[in-house]
Protein backbone atom coordinates (compact mmCIF):
# COMPACT_ATOMS: atom_id res chain seq x y z
CA MET A 1 -59.23 54.93 22.93
CA ASN A 2 -57.95 54.77 26.48
CA ARG A 3 -59.83 52.95 29.19
CA PHE A 4 -61.99 55.60 30.85
CA HIS A 5 -65.59 56.40 31.56
CA LEU A 6 -67.58 59.58 32.08
CA GLU A 7 -68.96 60.54 35.46
CA CYS A 8 -71.29 63.36 36.43
CA THR A 9 -69.65 65.92 38.69
CA GLU A 10 -72.89 66.33 40.67
CA CYS A 11 -75.04 63.19 40.76
CA GLY A 12 -72.27 60.67 40.03
CA ALA A 13 -74.06 59.03 37.08
CA VAL A 14 -71.68 56.93 34.96
CA ARG A 15 -71.79 56.98 31.17
CA GLN A 16 -69.65 55.29 28.52
CA PRO A 17 -67.72 57.52 26.11
CA ASP A 18 -68.95 55.73 23.01
CA ARG A 19 -70.95 58.63 21.58
CA LEU A 20 -71.08 62.41 21.61
CA TRP A 21 -71.97 63.54 25.13
CA ARG A 22 -72.66 67.00 26.38
CA VAL A 23 -73.89 67.35 29.99
CA CYS A 24 -75.27 64.63 32.25
CA ASP A 25 -78.59 63.36 30.91
CA ALA A 26 -79.79 62.71 34.48
CA CYS A 27 -79.21 66.12 36.10
CA GLY A 28 -77.84 68.47 33.43
CA MET A 29 -74.48 69.08 35.13
CA PRO A 30 -70.94 68.71 33.67
CA LEU A 31 -69.43 65.30 32.97
CA ARG A 32 -65.77 64.46 33.58
CA ALA A 33 -63.50 61.72 32.29
CA VAL A 34 -62.34 59.17 34.87
CA TYR A 35 -59.31 57.06 33.87
CA ASP A 36 -57.99 53.69 34.96
CA LEU A 37 -55.00 55.29 36.69
CA THR A 38 -53.79 52.00 38.14
CA ALA A 39 -53.14 50.78 34.60
CA VAL A 40 -51.44 54.09 33.69
CA ARG A 41 -49.20 53.91 36.73
CA GLU A 42 -48.07 50.40 35.79
CA ARG A 43 -46.99 51.35 32.28
CA LEU A 44 -45.82 54.96 32.53
CA ALA A 45 -43.26 56.72 34.71
CA PRO A 46 -43.00 60.50 34.55
CA ALA A 47 -39.34 60.31 33.48
CA GLU A 48 -40.47 58.76 30.20
CA LEU A 49 -42.31 61.94 29.25
CA THR A 50 -39.08 63.83 28.59
CA SER A 51 -38.20 61.65 25.59
CA ARG A 52 -41.51 62.27 23.83
CA PRO A 53 -42.22 64.97 21.24
CA ARG A 54 -43.23 68.20 22.94
CA GLY A 55 -46.85 69.25 23.29
CA LEU A 56 -49.83 68.37 25.46
CA TRP A 57 -50.43 65.05 23.69
CA ARG A 58 -47.35 63.55 25.33
CA PHE A 59 -49.67 63.05 28.31
CA HIS A 60 -51.96 60.90 26.13
CA GLU A 61 -52.34 58.13 28.73
CA VAL A 62 -54.43 60.57 30.76
CA LEU A 63 -56.21 62.03 27.75
CA PRO A 64 -59.17 60.48 25.93
CA VAL A 65 -57.30 59.52 22.72
CA SER A 66 -53.94 57.70 22.54
CA ASP A 67 -53.81 57.15 18.79
CA SER A 68 -51.68 59.97 17.38
CA ALA A 69 -53.27 59.56 13.95
CA GLN A 70 -56.52 60.88 15.41
CA TRP A 71 -55.13 63.94 17.19
CA VAL A 72 -56.17 67.36 15.93
CA THR A 73 -53.15 69.43 16.81
CA LEU A 74 -51.38 72.68 16.00
CA GLY A 75 -48.52 72.09 18.45
CA GLU A 76 -50.34 73.34 21.55
CA GLY A 77 -49.01 73.01 25.08
CA ASP A 78 -45.55 73.06 26.69
CA THR A 79 -45.73 76.76 27.41
CA PRO A 80 -42.92 78.20 29.54
CA LEU A 81 -42.94 78.69 33.31
CA LEU A 82 -40.97 81.89 33.82
CA PRO A 83 -39.68 83.69 36.93
CA LEU A 84 -40.86 87.27 37.48
CA PRO A 85 -38.03 88.74 39.57
CA ARG A 86 -38.73 92.46 39.07
CA LEU A 87 -42.48 92.20 39.47
CA GLY A 88 -41.90 89.91 42.44
CA ARG A 89 -39.80 92.57 44.14
CA GLU A 90 -42.52 95.15 43.52
CA LEU A 91 -45.11 92.86 45.09
CA GLY A 92 -42.88 91.64 47.92
CA LEU A 93 -42.65 88.05 46.65
CA SER A 94 -39.37 86.17 46.35
CA ARG A 95 -40.72 83.27 44.27
CA LEU A 96 -43.19 84.65 41.74
CA LEU A 97 -43.65 82.75 38.47
CA VAL A 98 -45.89 82.96 35.41
CA LYS A 99 -47.14 80.18 33.15
CA ASP A 100 -47.33 81.96 29.80
CA GLU A 101 -50.26 80.50 27.86
CA SER A 102 -50.11 83.28 25.27
CA LEU A 103 -47.53 81.20 23.39
CA ASN A 104 -50.10 78.60 22.38
CA PRO A 105 -50.93 78.43 18.63
CA THR A 106 -53.98 80.71 18.78
CA GLY A 107 -52.48 83.06 21.35
CA SER A 108 -54.31 81.75 24.42
CA PHE A 109 -54.91 78.78 26.69
CA LYS A 110 -58.12 78.02 24.77
CA ALA A 111 -56.04 76.09 22.23
CA ARG A 112 -55.51 73.30 24.76
CA GLY A 113 -59.18 72.64 25.39
CA MET A 114 -60.20 72.91 21.77
CA ALA A 115 -57.46 70.52 20.62
CA VAL A 116 -58.89 67.73 22.75
CA ALA A 117 -62.57 68.64 22.34
CA VAL A 118 -62.33 68.84 18.54
CA THR A 119 -60.32 65.60 18.42
CA MET A 120 -63.07 63.77 20.30
CA ALA A 121 -65.91 65.46 18.42
CA ARG A 122 -64.45 64.41 15.07
CA ARG A 123 -63.68 60.91 16.33
CA LEU A 124 -67.24 60.44 17.55
CA GLY A 125 -68.86 61.64 14.35
CA ALA A 126 -69.64 65.35 14.74
CA ARG A 127 -70.49 66.97 11.40
CA ALA A 128 -70.25 70.62 12.50
CA LEU A 129 -69.16 72.43 15.66
CA ALA A 130 -70.59 75.45 17.46
CA ALA A 131 -69.96 77.48 20.59
CA PRO A 132 -70.58 80.86 22.18
CA SER A 133 -67.42 82.85 22.84
CA ALA A 134 -66.38 86.11 24.44
CA GLY A 135 -63.26 86.02 22.27
CA ASN A 136 -60.37 83.58 22.52
CA ALA A 137 -62.39 80.36 22.57
CA GLY A 138 -64.06 81.28 19.29
CA GLY A 139 -60.76 81.85 17.54
CA ALA A 140 -59.40 78.58 18.89
CA LEU A 141 -62.48 76.60 17.87
CA ALA A 142 -62.34 78.09 14.38
CA ALA A 143 -58.68 77.17 14.03
CA TYR A 144 -59.03 73.60 15.30
CA GLY A 145 -62.24 73.10 13.35
CA ALA A 146 -60.38 74.13 10.20
CA ARG A 147 -57.56 71.77 11.10
CA ALA A 148 -60.08 68.95 11.53
CA GLY A 149 -61.96 69.77 8.34
CA LEU A 150 -65.19 70.55 10.21
CA PRO A 151 -67.43 73.60 9.72
CA VAL A 152 -67.71 75.91 12.73
CA VAL A 153 -70.37 78.37 13.90
CA ILE A 154 -69.52 80.85 16.66
CA ALA A 155 -71.82 83.30 18.43
CA MET A 156 -69.97 86.29 19.88
CA PRO A 157 -71.14 89.40 21.76
CA ARG A 158 -71.41 92.33 19.40
CA ASP A 159 -68.64 94.14 21.31
CA VAL A 160 -66.18 91.23 21.15
CA PRO A 161 -62.56 92.38 20.58
CA ALA A 162 -62.04 92.78 16.84
CA PRO A 163 -58.96 90.50 16.59
CA ASN A 164 -60.95 87.57 18.00
CA ARG A 165 -63.66 88.03 15.42
CA MET A 166 -61.08 88.44 12.65
CA GLU A 167 -59.28 85.26 13.68
CA ALA A 168 -62.48 83.22 13.61
CA VAL A 169 -63.54 84.59 10.21
CA ALA A 170 -60.05 84.07 8.76
CA CYS A 171 -60.19 80.40 9.80
CA GLY A 172 -63.47 79.98 7.95
CA ALA A 173 -65.97 80.06 10.79
CA ARG A 174 -69.43 81.54 10.48
CA VAL A 175 -69.59 84.27 13.12
CA GLU A 176 -72.91 85.52 14.47
CA LEU A 177 -72.79 88.75 16.50
CA VAL A 178 -75.36 88.77 19.31
CA ASP A 179 -76.51 91.63 21.51
CA GLY A 180 -75.59 91.01 25.16
CA THR A 181 -73.09 88.74 26.89
CA ILE A 182 -71.72 85.26 26.33
CA ALA A 183 -74.82 83.96 28.14
CA ASP A 184 -76.99 85.45 25.40
CA CYS A 185 -74.68 83.90 22.81
CA GLY A 186 -75.06 80.55 24.57
CA ARG A 187 -78.83 80.80 24.33
CA TRP A 188 -78.59 81.55 20.62
CA ILE A 189 -76.36 78.50 20.04
CA GLY A 190 -78.66 76.34 22.19
CA GLU A 191 -81.68 77.34 20.14
CA GLN A 192 -79.98 76.62 16.83
CA ALA A 193 -77.64 73.68 17.42
CA GLU A 194 -80.03 70.73 17.55
CA ARG A 195 -82.08 71.89 14.60
CA GLU A 196 -79.01 72.61 12.47
CA GLY A 197 -77.04 69.51 13.49
CA TRP A 198 -74.18 71.38 15.20
CA PHE A 199 -72.33 69.81 18.12
CA ASP A 200 -72.15 72.42 20.88
CA VAL A 201 -68.71 72.55 22.54
CA SER A 202 -69.55 75.28 25.07
CA THR A 203 -67.47 75.56 28.24
CA LEU A 204 -68.09 72.52 30.49
CA LYS A 205 -71.11 71.54 28.37
CA GLU A 206 -69.06 68.72 26.87
CA PRO A 207 -66.48 66.62 28.77
CA TYR A 208 -63.23 67.13 26.88
CA ARG A 209 -62.23 70.79 26.86
CA VAL A 210 -61.39 70.36 30.55
CA GLU A 211 -59.10 67.45 29.62
CA GLY A 212 -57.03 69.69 27.41
CA LYS A 213 -56.92 72.46 30.00
CA LYS A 214 -55.82 70.10 32.77
CA THR A 215 -52.50 69.59 30.99
CA MET A 216 -51.49 73.01 32.33
CA GLY A 217 -51.40 71.30 35.72
CA TYR A 218 -49.28 68.40 34.50
CA GLU A 219 -46.80 70.77 32.88
CA LEU A 220 -46.65 72.97 35.96
CA ALA A 221 -45.82 70.02 38.24
CA GLU A 222 -43.22 68.70 35.80
CA ALA A 223 -41.51 72.11 35.53
CA LEU A 224 -41.29 72.29 39.35
CA GLY A 225 -39.71 68.85 39.66
CA TRP A 226 -43.03 67.09 40.37
CA ARG A 227 -43.85 69.46 43.17
CA LEU A 228 -46.72 71.93 43.29
CA PRO A 229 -46.61 75.65 44.11
CA ASP A 230 -48.06 77.07 47.29
CA ILE A 231 -50.55 79.32 45.48
CA ILE A 232 -52.07 79.52 42.00
CA LEU A 233 -53.82 82.70 40.88
CA TYR A 234 -56.15 82.05 37.97
CA PRO A 235 -58.40 84.43 35.97
CA THR A 236 -61.80 82.81 36.26
CA GLY A 237 -64.58 83.10 33.70
CA GLY A 238 -66.00 79.71 32.76
CA GLY A 239 -63.49 78.07 35.08
CA THR A 240 -62.42 75.12 32.90
CA GLY A 241 -58.73 75.63 33.66
CA LEU A 242 -59.33 75.98 37.39
CA VAL A 243 -61.24 72.72 37.74
CA GLY A 244 -59.01 71.07 35.15
CA MET A 245 -55.82 71.72 37.11
CA ALA A 246 -57.44 70.52 40.32
CA LYS A 247 -58.39 67.34 38.45
CA ALA A 248 -54.82 66.97 37.18
CA PHE A 249 -53.37 67.29 40.68
CA ASP A 250 -55.76 64.62 41.98
CA GLU A 251 -54.76 62.32 39.12
CA MET A 252 -51.03 62.88 39.70
CA ARG A 253 -51.38 62.06 43.39
CA GLU A 254 -53.16 58.81 42.52
CA LEU A 255 -50.44 58.06 39.96
CA GLY A 256 -47.75 58.64 42.59
CA TRP A 257 -46.02 61.24 40.45
CA LEU A 258 -45.90 64.06 43.01
CA LYS A 259 -43.22 64.37 45.67
CA SER A 260 -44.64 63.32 49.03
CA SER A 261 -43.68 66.66 50.53
CA SER A 262 -45.41 68.66 47.80
CA PRO A 263 -48.07 70.99 49.24
CA SER A 264 -51.58 71.19 47.92
CA PRO A 265 -51.74 74.60 46.23
CA ARG A 266 -54.28 77.16 47.34
CA PHE A 267 -56.31 78.32 44.36
CA VAL A 268 -57.29 81.96 43.97
CA ALA A 269 -60.12 82.65 41.54
CA VAL A 270 -59.77 86.21 40.24
CA GLN A 271 -62.66 88.04 38.58
CA ALA A 272 -63.63 91.59 37.66
CA ASP A 273 -65.79 93.77 39.90
CA GLY A 274 -68.34 94.13 37.14
CA CYS A 275 -68.81 90.37 36.71
CA ALA A 276 -67.85 88.38 39.79
CA PRO A 277 -70.42 85.61 40.36
CA ILE A 278 -67.89 83.17 41.81
CA VAL A 279 -66.35 85.76 44.15
CA THR A 280 -69.78 86.77 45.41
CA ALA A 281 -70.87 83.18 46.00
CA PHE A 282 -67.59 82.22 47.68
CA THR A 283 -67.66 85.23 50.00
CA ALA A 284 -71.28 84.57 50.95
CA GLY A 285 -70.62 80.89 51.64
CA ARG A 286 -73.03 79.73 48.93
CA ASP A 287 -72.57 76.65 46.75
CA ARG A 288 -74.18 78.21 43.66
CA ALA A 289 -73.44 81.44 41.86
CA GLU A 290 -76.00 84.01 40.79
CA ALA A 291 -75.59 86.02 37.61
CA PRO A 292 -75.01 89.77 38.10
CA SER A 293 -77.79 91.90 36.66
CA HIS A 294 -75.49 94.01 34.46
CA PRO A 295 -72.21 92.12 33.83
CA GLN A 296 -69.53 94.52 32.61
CA THR A 297 -65.75 94.35 32.30
CA ILE A 298 -63.19 95.21 29.66
CA ALA A 299 -61.60 91.78 30.24
CA ALA A 300 -63.77 89.80 27.81
CA GLY A 301 -62.74 86.41 29.18
CA LEU A 302 -64.02 87.35 32.65
CA ARG A 303 -67.46 88.44 31.45
CA VAL A 304 -69.15 85.09 32.11
CA PRO A 305 -72.20 85.84 34.26
CA ARG A 306 -73.66 82.33 34.54
CA PRO A 307 -70.95 79.61 34.54
CA ILE A 308 -72.36 76.08 34.49
CA GLY A 309 -69.37 74.84 36.50
CA ASP A 310 -70.03 77.14 39.46
CA ARG A 311 -70.53 74.35 42.01
CA TRP A 312 -67.41 72.55 40.82
CA MET A 313 -65.31 75.73 41.00
CA LEU A 314 -66.54 76.60 44.48
CA ARG A 315 -65.73 73.09 45.72
CA VAL A 316 -62.20 73.38 44.33
CA LEU A 317 -61.63 76.75 46.01
CA ARG A 318 -62.84 75.54 49.40
CA ALA A 319 -61.10 72.15 49.27
CA SER A 320 -57.79 73.88 48.47
CA ARG A 321 -58.22 76.42 51.30
CA GLY A 322 -58.17 79.05 48.59
CA THR A 323 -60.05 82.27 48.07
CA ALA A 324 -61.69 84.47 45.44
CA VAL A 325 -60.92 88.12 44.65
CA ALA A 326 -62.56 90.71 42.40
CA VAL A 327 -60.66 93.74 41.07
CA SER A 328 -61.70 96.79 39.10
CA ASP A 329 -61.06 97.29 35.39
CA ALA A 330 -58.66 100.10 36.25
CA GLU A 331 -56.69 97.76 38.51
CA LEU A 332 -56.50 94.92 36.01
CA LEU A 333 -55.37 97.20 33.18
CA ALA A 334 -52.72 98.71 35.45
CA GLY A 335 -51.64 95.20 36.41
CA ALA A 336 -51.25 94.15 32.79
CA LEU A 337 -49.15 97.23 32.03
CA GLU A 338 -47.04 96.63 35.13
CA LEU A 339 -46.34 93.08 33.95
CA ALA A 340 -45.42 94.37 30.49
CA ARG A 341 -43.13 97.14 31.73
CA SER A 342 -41.41 95.16 34.47
CA GLU A 343 -41.00 91.83 32.66
CA GLY A 344 -41.59 92.46 28.94
CA MET A 345 -44.71 90.28 28.81
CA PHE A 346 -47.66 91.89 27.03
CA ALA A 347 -50.38 89.90 28.70
CA CYS A 348 -54.16 89.97 28.38
CA PRO A 349 -56.22 92.09 30.81
CA GLU A 350 -57.35 88.90 32.56
CA ALA A 351 -53.75 88.24 33.59
CA GLY A 352 -53.43 91.84 34.74
CA ALA A 353 -56.20 91.09 37.22
CA LEU A 354 -53.88 88.55 38.86
CA VAL A 355 -51.22 91.18 39.51
CA ALA A 356 -53.78 93.38 41.26
CA ALA A 357 -55.16 90.45 43.26
CA ALA A 358 -51.69 89.29 44.30
CA ARG A 359 -50.81 92.77 45.56
CA ARG A 360 -53.99 92.85 47.63
CA LEU A 361 -53.44 89.37 49.10
CA VAL A 362 -49.80 90.12 49.98
CA ALA A 363 -50.88 93.30 51.77
CA ALA A 364 -53.48 91.31 53.71
CA GLY A 365 -50.91 88.68 54.72
CA TRP A 366 -52.81 85.91 52.91
CA ILE A 367 -49.76 85.33 50.66
CA GLY A 368 -46.44 85.01 52.46
CA PRO A 369 -43.31 86.66 50.99
CA ASP A 370 -41.46 83.37 50.48
CA GLU A 371 -44.30 81.26 49.12
CA THR A 372 -44.10 79.94 45.56
CA VAL A 373 -46.80 81.79 43.66
CA VAL A 374 -47.82 81.06 40.05
CA LEU A 375 -49.83 83.43 37.86
CA PHE A 376 -51.48 82.18 34.67
CA ASN A 377 -51.26 84.53 31.71
CA THR A 378 -54.10 83.06 29.70
CA GLY A 379 -53.57 85.03 26.50
CA THR A 380 -51.77 87.72 24.58
CA GLY A 381 -52.54 91.39 25.04
CA LEU A 382 -52.38 91.84 21.27
CA LYS A 383 -56.01 90.69 21.02
CA TYR A 384 -57.27 93.61 23.15
CA PRO A 385 -56.57 96.82 21.19
CA GLU A 386 -59.62 98.58 22.67
CA ALA A 387 -58.51 97.83 26.23
CA PHE A 388 -54.95 99.04 25.82
CA GLY A 389 -55.50 101.78 23.27
CA SER A 390 -55.43 104.65 25.75
CA GLY A 391 -54.09 103.06 28.92
CA SER A 392 -50.69 102.24 27.41
CA LYS A 393 -49.79 105.83 26.50
């Protein structure tokens, strides 16, 4: 195991990673891994990464496990960063790019987080894994649990997209359908996990999913020649990727890997009108989010009414001089179809929300026409037949 410790993102309590940890035992907030980056800098130069086998584990010096024999992997990571010239012209942007996470093994960015979380859970003695999921995370946990030889229990909202449920069942997971949202599923898992002996790998309720997600930031910087874009638009539900990339950029600066002239990107958290706790809190200047009374959106990954990482996300947005935008379901579906028809990328509705948000921010002058802007397509549109069934005609 690498030299690192765990640190609470709120109270700063330090814990050793020698057992299964969930949240901070002092204050109940998320823990994060803190590495000895001085030691990493002395033994690794970024140029060395190019000679390694592809995949997120080539960044193992800044991940919690270096021993390749312990990795639980399906070949995740190293997704392409692609230019969007036609969509860029439509939006008035000369340097618009997309990081296409739909090409991960389970069809979404959730594969990254689960690869690292399941690796650590197995290494530290977990006997069974569990999590609530609005869709893609459940399928990814089922797949990586199967790969690790561990049983998996997933609680999903009853209206979860059918392909997500099918994927989890096909990979051998026990799927419980729960009335309500992912928050209700989380309560169900919380009530069952300790009694049944399941290790709960819910979003930001264990320290290692964020470590897998942060590799999106490392790959993005590498693809841009160790520079960072001006703006990153990110579909924000639980927010693991948002805080993970911010963590990666901080680590790379300490490692000395980024060009000195590289700007600090402005993060844009994009949510749906029907479930926008982070947007509401950001706009009101609050440091905590409040759950909407009736969270609704067709974009399942954005229907997270009570994210535990709210304070962390809001700090990232403000520190980056970023912003938060909510769009309607009609706008996000139109955005996804626009991306498909202009660039041939059948993206998830959550990514469509970014197209709508970018158009709004360009019109407001918040995004300049020559800034480098990166959208994150977090999953494939193929998992949302209900969303696209009528709108794609």
